[in-house]
Amino acid sequence: MAEIGLFLSSEEHDPKNLVPQAQRGEEAGFRSVLISDHFHPWIDEQGESCFVWSVIGAIAASTRQRVTTGVTCPTVRVHPAIVAHAAATAHLLLGGAFGLGVGSGEPLNEHILGDRWPPVATRLEMLEEAVSVMRSLWSGHLTTHHGKHYCVETARLYSCPENPPPIYVSAFGPESLELAARIGDGLVTTKPDANAIRRYRELGGRGPAIAAVKICWAEDEASGVRTAHRLWKSEQLPGQLNQELALPTHIEHASKLVTEEMIANTISCGRTPRGMPRRFAGTSTRDSTRCTSTRSAPIRRASSGCTGTSCAIGSQLEAGRKA
């Protein structure tokens, strides 16, 4: 069964706005949120990038929403043992309603401590080891790990949930889809790509398939397109540019390649969800949809340009809080 939820864009909104959005979403009937986890925004125009774990704690204290990170990188900037600690605490605060979305990251966020940015194959290898480390720590037992990329020395999580949080793995290409199907409790992707979801299932992937989709509510389509282009043009960069550029200003410069016409063809803008059914065409009936809104008129006061809607296509989240 499909589920529609809210996307909280940490790149666009400060933490004092993100928490009320989750609260208003709950009042409007939404039961889950996907929240981005970045050190930097994609481009300077977005203007924000808070520490997401503090926001998750505030959401847990003021709502009954299920919360998933979309996504956290547990490989370079933050050691997987620290991510495991944070995720375990979030899962406890949310009453078992936390999902850890993970990915191999981007230099945009991961370069800040001076670490070398590894090639794709190494990043996926690091992610697989990081997931193994986190699951070992979530056992609640004393953990020692001397791996190729990470060391953990006699560490134990004392505040540890009885049932660990599910791990949803971000995947874009064939190698990451294979990894997601092998180690993940579900899939996270930025697009409702029926072929990718089908391949994930063929490879044995289980659990929900969560796909993020942007829309832009506005009084008219043209103003919506302008707003979406101003804030999210980076999403239409070709090739691996988003995965290789290190600063928001670099991505901003590269985004000059993206036209408003390109945005109009890929993001539904205006007062009606034009093209939204087409975005979900072909997805399996075994997969459900969780669509999320960063700036949506029902959540916040009406605005001439409201952007940022992320959708999740996948079966219902396995862990959830009872109403």
Protein backbone atom coordinates (compact mmCIF):
# COMPACT_ATOMS: atom_id res chain seq x y z
CA MET A 1 0.00 0.00 0.00
CA ALA A 2 1.28 3.45 -0.91
CA GLU A 3 2.24 5.93 1.77
CA ILE A 4 2.80 9.66 1.30
CA GLY A 5 5.06 11.43 3.77
CA LEU A 6 7.04 14.64 4.13
CA PHE A 7 10.56 15.50 3.05
CA LEU A 8 12.34 17.92 5.37
CA SER A 9 15.05 19.73 3.44
CA SER A 10 17.88 20.58 5.82
CA GLU A 11 19.50 22.45 2.92
CA GLU A 12 16.61 24.92 2.64
CA HIS A 13 15.31 25.40 6.17
CA ASP A 14 16.83 26.19 9.52
CA PRO A 15 16.12 23.79 12.40
CA LYS A 16 13.51 26.05 13.97
CA ASN A 17 11.46 25.66 10.77
CA LEU A 18 12.10 21.97 10.19
CA VAL A 19 10.54 20.85 13.48
CA PRO A 20 7.27 22.81 12.98
CA GLN A 21 7.04 21.36 9.46
CA ALA A 22 7.08 17.86 10.94
CA GLN A 23 4.45 18.91 13.49
CA ARG A 24 2.18 20.48 10.88
CA GLY A 25 2.63 17.48 8.64
CA GLU A 26 1.40 15.25 11.43
CA GLU A 27 -1.60 17.53 11.96
CA ALA A 28 -2.35 17.22 8.22
CA GLY A 29 -2.28 13.41 8.43
CA PHE A 30 1.26 12.55 7.34
CA ARG A 31 2.83 9.75 9.35
CA SER A 32 6.47 9.81 8.26
CA VAL A 33 9.27 12.16 7.30
CA LEU A 34 12.47 11.80 5.30
CA ILE A 35 15.13 14.30 6.38
CA SER A 36 18.34 15.14 4.53
CA ASP A 37 21.71 14.89 6.31
CA HIS A 38 24.35 17.24 4.91
CA PHE A 39 27.28 19.29 6.17
CA HIS A 40 26.87 21.73 3.24
CA PRO A 41 23.84 22.60 1.12
CA TRP A 42 24.01 21.67 -2.55
CA ILE A 43 24.24 25.32 -3.58
CA ASP A 44 24.68 28.54 -1.60
CA GLU A 45 21.20 29.73 -2.60
CA GLN A 46 19.65 27.00 -0.44
CA GLY A 47 21.37 28.62 2.50
CA GLU A 48 21.09 26.08 5.35
CA SER A 49 22.61 22.83 6.60
CA CYS A 50 21.90 22.02 10.23
CA PHE A 51 23.09 19.10 12.37
CA VAL A 52 20.30 16.69 11.58
CA TRP A 53 20.56 14.52 14.70
CA SER A 54 19.52 17.41 16.94
CA VAL A 55 16.49 18.03 14.71
CA ILE A 56 15.55 14.35 14.86
CA GLY A 57 15.58 14.55 18.67
CA ALA A 58 13.27 17.57 18.59
CA ILE A 59 10.90 15.82 16.17
CA ALA A 60 10.87 12.76 18.42
CA ALA A 61 9.97 14.93 21.42
CA SER A 62 7.11 16.74 19.68
CA THR A 63 5.53 14.31 17.18
CA ARG A 64 4.79 10.65 16.58
CA GLN A 65 6.29 10.71 13.10
CA ARG A 66 8.46 7.95 11.70
CA VAL A 67 11.79 9.45 10.66
CA THR A 68 14.30 8.29 8.04
CA THR A 69 17.56 10.03 7.11
CA GLY A 70 17.87 10.65 3.40
CA VAL A 71 20.75 9.91 3.51
CA THR A 72 23.59 9.68 6.03
CA CYS A 73 27.16 8.90 4.94
CA PRO A 74 28.84 6.70 7.60
CA THR A 75 32.18 6.33 5.84
CA VAL A 76 34.46 9.39 5.72
CA ARG A 77 33.51 12.49 7.70
CA VAL A 78 31.78 10.49 10.46
CA HIS A 79 33.04 7.12 11.66
CA PRO A 80 30.40 4.36 11.49
CA ALA A 81 30.67 3.78 15.25
CA ILE A 82 29.51 7.35 15.84
CA VAL A 83 26.66 7.01 13.34
CA ALA A 84 25.64 3.75 15.05
CA HIS A 85 25.55 5.56 18.39
CA ALA A 86 23.44 8.42 16.99
CA ALA A 87 21.05 6.09 15.16
CA ALA A 88 20.55 3.88 18.22
CA THR A 89 19.62 6.92 20.31
CA ALA A 90 17.27 8.24 17.61
CA HIS A 91 15.59 4.83 17.38
CA LEU A 92 15.02 4.82 21.15
CA LEU A 93 13.66 8.38 21.19
CA LEU A 94 11.29 7.58 18.30
CA GLY A 95 9.99 4.42 19.91
CA GLY A 96 11.41 2.17 17.22
CA ALA A 97 10.28 4.42 14.38
CA PHE A 98 13.68 5.43 12.98
CA GLY A 99 15.18 4.33 9.67
CA LEU A 100 18.82 4.96 8.80
CA GLY A 101 19.22 5.82 5.14
CA VAL A 102 22.87 5.47 4.12
CA GLY A 103 24.91 6.25 1.04
CA SER A 104 28.51 6.44 -0.12
CA GLY A 105 28.48 10.23 0.09
CA GLU A 106 29.74 13.18 -1.93
CA PRO A 107 32.90 15.28 -1.56
CA LEU A 108 30.54 18.22 -0.96
CA ASN A 109 30.19 16.97 2.62
CA GLU A 110 32.97 14.45 3.08
CA HIS A 111 36.06 16.49 2.12
CA ILE A 112 35.97 18.85 5.09
CA LEU A 113 38.50 17.00 7.29
CA GLY A 114 41.04 16.72 4.49
CA ASP A 115 40.44 13.06 3.68
CA ARG A 116 41.18 11.81 0.18
CA TRP A 117 38.02 11.25 -1.88
CA PRO A 118 38.12 7.59 -2.94
CA PRO A 119 36.86 6.11 -6.22
CA VAL A 120 33.38 4.56 -6.48
CA ALA A 121 34.46 0.96 -5.90
CA THR A 122 36.31 1.89 -2.73
CA ARG A 123 33.40 4.00 -1.46
CA LEU A 124 31.01 1.07 -1.85
CA GLU A 125 33.50 -1.22 -0.13
CA MET A 126 33.72 1.29 2.75
CA LEU A 127 29.93 1.51 2.97
CA GLU A 128 29.58 -2.26 3.21
CA GLU A 129 32.13 -2.42 6.02
CA ALA A 130 30.52 0.55 7.78
CA VAL A 131 27.12 -1.18 7.75
CA SER A 132 28.71 -4.30 9.24
CA VAL A 133 30.32 -2.24 12.01
CA MET A 134 27.05 -0.52 12.88
CA ARG A 135 25.10 -3.77 13.03
CA SER A 136 27.76 -5.30 15.28
CA LEU A 137 27.47 -2.38 17.68
CA TRP A 138 23.66 -2.58 17.65
CA SER A 139 23.96 -6.09 19.09
CA GLY A 140 24.73 -4.38 22.39
CA HIS A 141 27.80 -6.57 22.85
CA LEU A 142 31.39 -5.51 23.28
CA THR A 143 32.71 -4.95 19.75
CA THR A 144 36.23 -5.01 18.39
CA HIS A 145 36.73 -4.64 14.65
CA HIS A 146 40.00 -4.35 12.73
CA GLY A 147 38.92 -4.03 9.12
CA LYS A 148 40.36 -2.70 5.90
CA HIS A 149 38.90 0.76 6.42
CA TYR A 150 37.75 1.01 10.07
CA CYS A 151 38.91 0.07 13.53
CA VAL A 152 36.70 -0.25 16.60
CA GLU A 153 38.35 -1.14 19.87
CA THR A 154 36.31 -2.72 22.70
CA ALA A 155 33.26 -0.49 22.12
CA ARG A 156 29.79 -1.17 23.46
CA LEU A 157 26.54 0.74 23.00
CA TYR A 158 24.80 0.71 26.37
CA SER A 159 21.74 2.68 25.19
CA CYS A 160 20.83 0.17 22.52
CA PRO A 161 17.34 -0.66 21.17
CA GLU A 162 16.11 -4.23 21.43
CA ASN A 163 15.45 -4.23 17.69
CA PRO A 164 18.01 -2.28 15.60
CA PRO A 165 16.93 0.39 13.14
CA PRO A 166 16.50 -0.74 9.53
CA ILE A 167 19.18 0.37 7.08
CA TYR A 168 18.01 1.69 3.71
CA VAL A 169 20.82 1.88 1.16
CA SER A 170 21.02 4.59 -1.49
CA ALA A 171 21.67 3.29 -5.00
CA PHE A 172 21.99 4.87 -8.46
CA GLY A 173 23.96 2.46 -10.65
CA PRO A 174 24.29 -1.32 -11.06
CA GLU A 175 27.09 -1.74 -8.50
CA SER A 176 25.29 0.19 -5.78
CA LEU A 177 22.00 -1.57 -6.55
CA GLU A 178 23.74 -4.93 -6.08
CA LEU A 179 25.15 -3.73 -2.76
CA ALA A 180 21.79 -2.36 -1.61
CA ALA A 181 20.05 -5.64 -2.42
CA ARG A 182 22.71 -7.61 -0.58
CA ILE A 183 23.14 -5.62 2.65
CA GLY A 184 20.12 -3.30 2.91
CA ASP A 185 16.78 -3.58 4.65
CA GLY A 186 15.41 -1.38 1.87
CA LEU A 187 16.34 0.93 -0.99
CA VAL A 188 16.62 4.72 -1.13
CA THR A 189 16.81 6.60 -4.43
CA THR A 190 16.25 10.19 -5.51
CA LYS A 191 14.03 9.16 -8.42
CA PRO A 192 11.04 6.79 -8.78
CA ASP A 193 12.90 4.71 -11.34
CA ALA A 194 10.81 1.60 -12.04
CA ASN A 195 13.73 -0.17 -13.73
CA ALA A 196 16.03 0.40 -10.74
CA ILE A 197 13.38 -0.80 -8.29
CA ARG A 198 12.67 -3.84 -10.45
CA ARG A 199 16.37 -4.66 -10.62
CA TYR A 200 16.68 -4.25 -6.85
CA ARG A 201 13.89 -6.82 -6.41
CA GLU A 202 15.43 -9.18 -8.98
CA LEU A 203 18.68 -9.08 -7.04
CA GLY A 204 16.82 -10.15 -3.91
CA GLY A 205 16.32 -6.73 -2.37
CA ARG A 206 13.72 -6.68 0.37
CA GLY A 207 11.82 -4.08 2.37
CA PRO A 208 10.65 -0.66 1.23
CA ALA A 209 11.94 1.15 -1.84
CA ILE A 210 12.00 4.85 -0.99
CA ALA A 211 12.22 7.26 -3.92
CA ALA A 212 12.53 11.01 -3.51
CA VAL A 213 10.67 13.31 -5.90
CA LYS A 214 10.59 17.11 -5.98
CA ILE A 215 7.51 19.21 -6.69
CA CYS A 216 7.06 22.96 -6.40
CA TRP A 217 3.73 24.42 -5.31
CA ALA A 218 3.11 27.92 -6.62
CA GLU A 219 0.24 30.14 -7.79
CA ASP A 220 1.24 29.42 -11.39
CA GLU A 221 3.58 27.05 -13.18
CA ALA A 222 6.03 29.69 -14.38
CA SER A 223 6.76 31.07 -10.90
CA GLY A 224 7.05 27.53 -9.57
CA VAL A 225 9.60 26.67 -12.25
CA ARG A 226 11.62 29.78 -11.36
CA THR A 227 11.65 28.83 -7.68
CA ALA A 228 12.57 25.20 -8.36
CA HIS A 229 15.32 26.32 -10.74
CA ARG A 230 16.71 28.76 -8.18
CA LEU A 231 16.87 26.19 -5.37
CA TRP A 232 17.19 22.75 -6.99
CA LYS A 233 18.79 23.16 -10.42
CA SER A 234 21.72 21.09 -9.20
CA GLU A 235 19.54 17.97 -9.36
CA GLN A 236 19.66 18.06 -13.16
CA LEU A 237 23.44 18.21 -13.49
CA PRO A 238 24.68 15.62 -15.99
CA GLY A 239 26.90 12.68 -15.19
CA GLN A 240 28.83 12.50 -11.92
CA LEU A 241 29.21 16.23 -11.27
CA ASN A 242 27.14 16.13 -8.07
CA GLN A 243 29.32 13.25 -6.88
CA GLU A 244 32.66 14.91 -7.57
CA LEU A 245 32.45 18.66 -6.88
CA ALA A 246 33.56 19.76 -3.42
CA LEU A 247 31.91 23.13 -2.77
CA PRO A 248 28.40 24.56 -3.13
CA THR A 249 29.87 27.35 -5.26
CA HIS A 250 31.37 24.76 -7.64
CA ILE A 251 28.00 23.05 -8.01
CA GLU A 252 26.35 26.45 -8.46
CA HIS A 253 28.73 27.25 -11.33
CA ALA A 254 28.16 23.86 -12.96
CA SER A 255 24.40 24.31 -12.57
CA LYS A 256 24.49 27.08 -15.15
CA LEU A 257 24.19 24.17 -17.57
CA VAL A 258 20.66 23.57 -16.28
CA THR A 259 17.86 25.62 -17.85
CA GLU A 260 14.40 26.42 -16.55
CA GLU A 261 13.01 24.30 -19.37
CA MET A 262 14.93 21.30 -18.03
CA ILE A 263 13.45 21.90 -14.59
CA ALA A 264 9.93 22.26 -16.03
CA ASN A 265 10.32 18.85 -17.67
CA THR A 266 11.42 17.11 -14.49
CA ILE A 267 9.73 18.87 -11.52
CA SER A 268 5.97 19.32 -11.27
CA CYS A 269 5.34 23.03 -10.61
CA GLY A 270 2.23 25.10 -9.98
CA ARG A 271 -1.08 24.42 -8.24
CA THR A 272 -1.75 20.95 -9.69
CA PRO A 273 0.54 17.91 -9.71
CA ARG A 274 1.14 17.91 -13.46
CA GLY A 275 3.20 14.95 -14.48
CA MET A 276 3.22 13.37 -11.03
CA PRO A 277 1.30 10.24 -12.09
CA ARG A 278 3.77 9.82 -14.94
CA ARG A 279 6.68 9.90 -12.48
CA PHE A 280 5.27 6.84 -10.73
CA ALA A 281 4.14 4.95 -13.83
CA GLY A 282 5.43 1.44 -14.01
CA THR A 283 6.35 0.97 -10.37
CA SER A 284 5.33 -2.34 -8.93
CA THR A 285 2.14 -2.71 -6.94
CA ARG A 286 4.22 -4.36 -4.24
CA ASP A 287 5.92 -0.99 -3.79
CA SER A 288 4.23 1.89 -2.06
CA THR A 289 4.70 5.63 -2.29
CA ARG A 290 5.69 8.07 0.42
CA CYS A 291 5.62 11.54 -1.03
CA THR A 292 7.09 14.37 0.99
CA SER A 293 6.89 18.13 0.94
CA THR A 294 9.41 20.66 2.17
CA ARG A 295 7.37 23.79 1.49
CA SER A 296 3.78 22.82 0.98
CA ALA A 297 0.76 25.06 1.35
CA PRO A 298 -1.09 22.71 3.75
CA ILE A 299 1.97 22.67 6.02
CA ARG A 300 2.98 26.30 5.91
CA ARG A 301 1.15 29.45 5.01
CA ALA A 302 0.46 29.76 1.29
CA SER A 303 3.39 31.09 -0.65
CA SER A 304 4.06 32.15 -4.21
CA GLY A 305 6.80 29.52 -4.47
CA CYS A 306 6.91 26.38 -2.39
CA THR A 307 9.47 23.80 -3.38
CA GLY A 308 10.90 20.53 -2.27
CA THR A 309 8.82 17.43 -2.28
CA SER A 310 10.39 14.08 -1.87
CA CYS A 311 8.52 10.89 -2.40
CA ALA A 312 9.22 7.43 -1.25
CA ILE A 313 8.22 4.49 -3.34
CA GLY A 314 8.36 1.33 -1.34
CA SER A 315 6.40 -0.93 0.90
CA GLN A 316 5.31 0.48 4.23
CA LEU A 317 8.17 1.06 6.62
CA GLU A 318 8.63 -2.04 8.70
CA ALA A 319 9.26 -0.17 11.94
CA GLY A 320 6.56 2.23 12.99
CA ARG A 321 4.98 3.85 15.96
CA LYS A 322 1.43 3.01 16.82
CA ALA A 323 -1.02 5.89 16.70
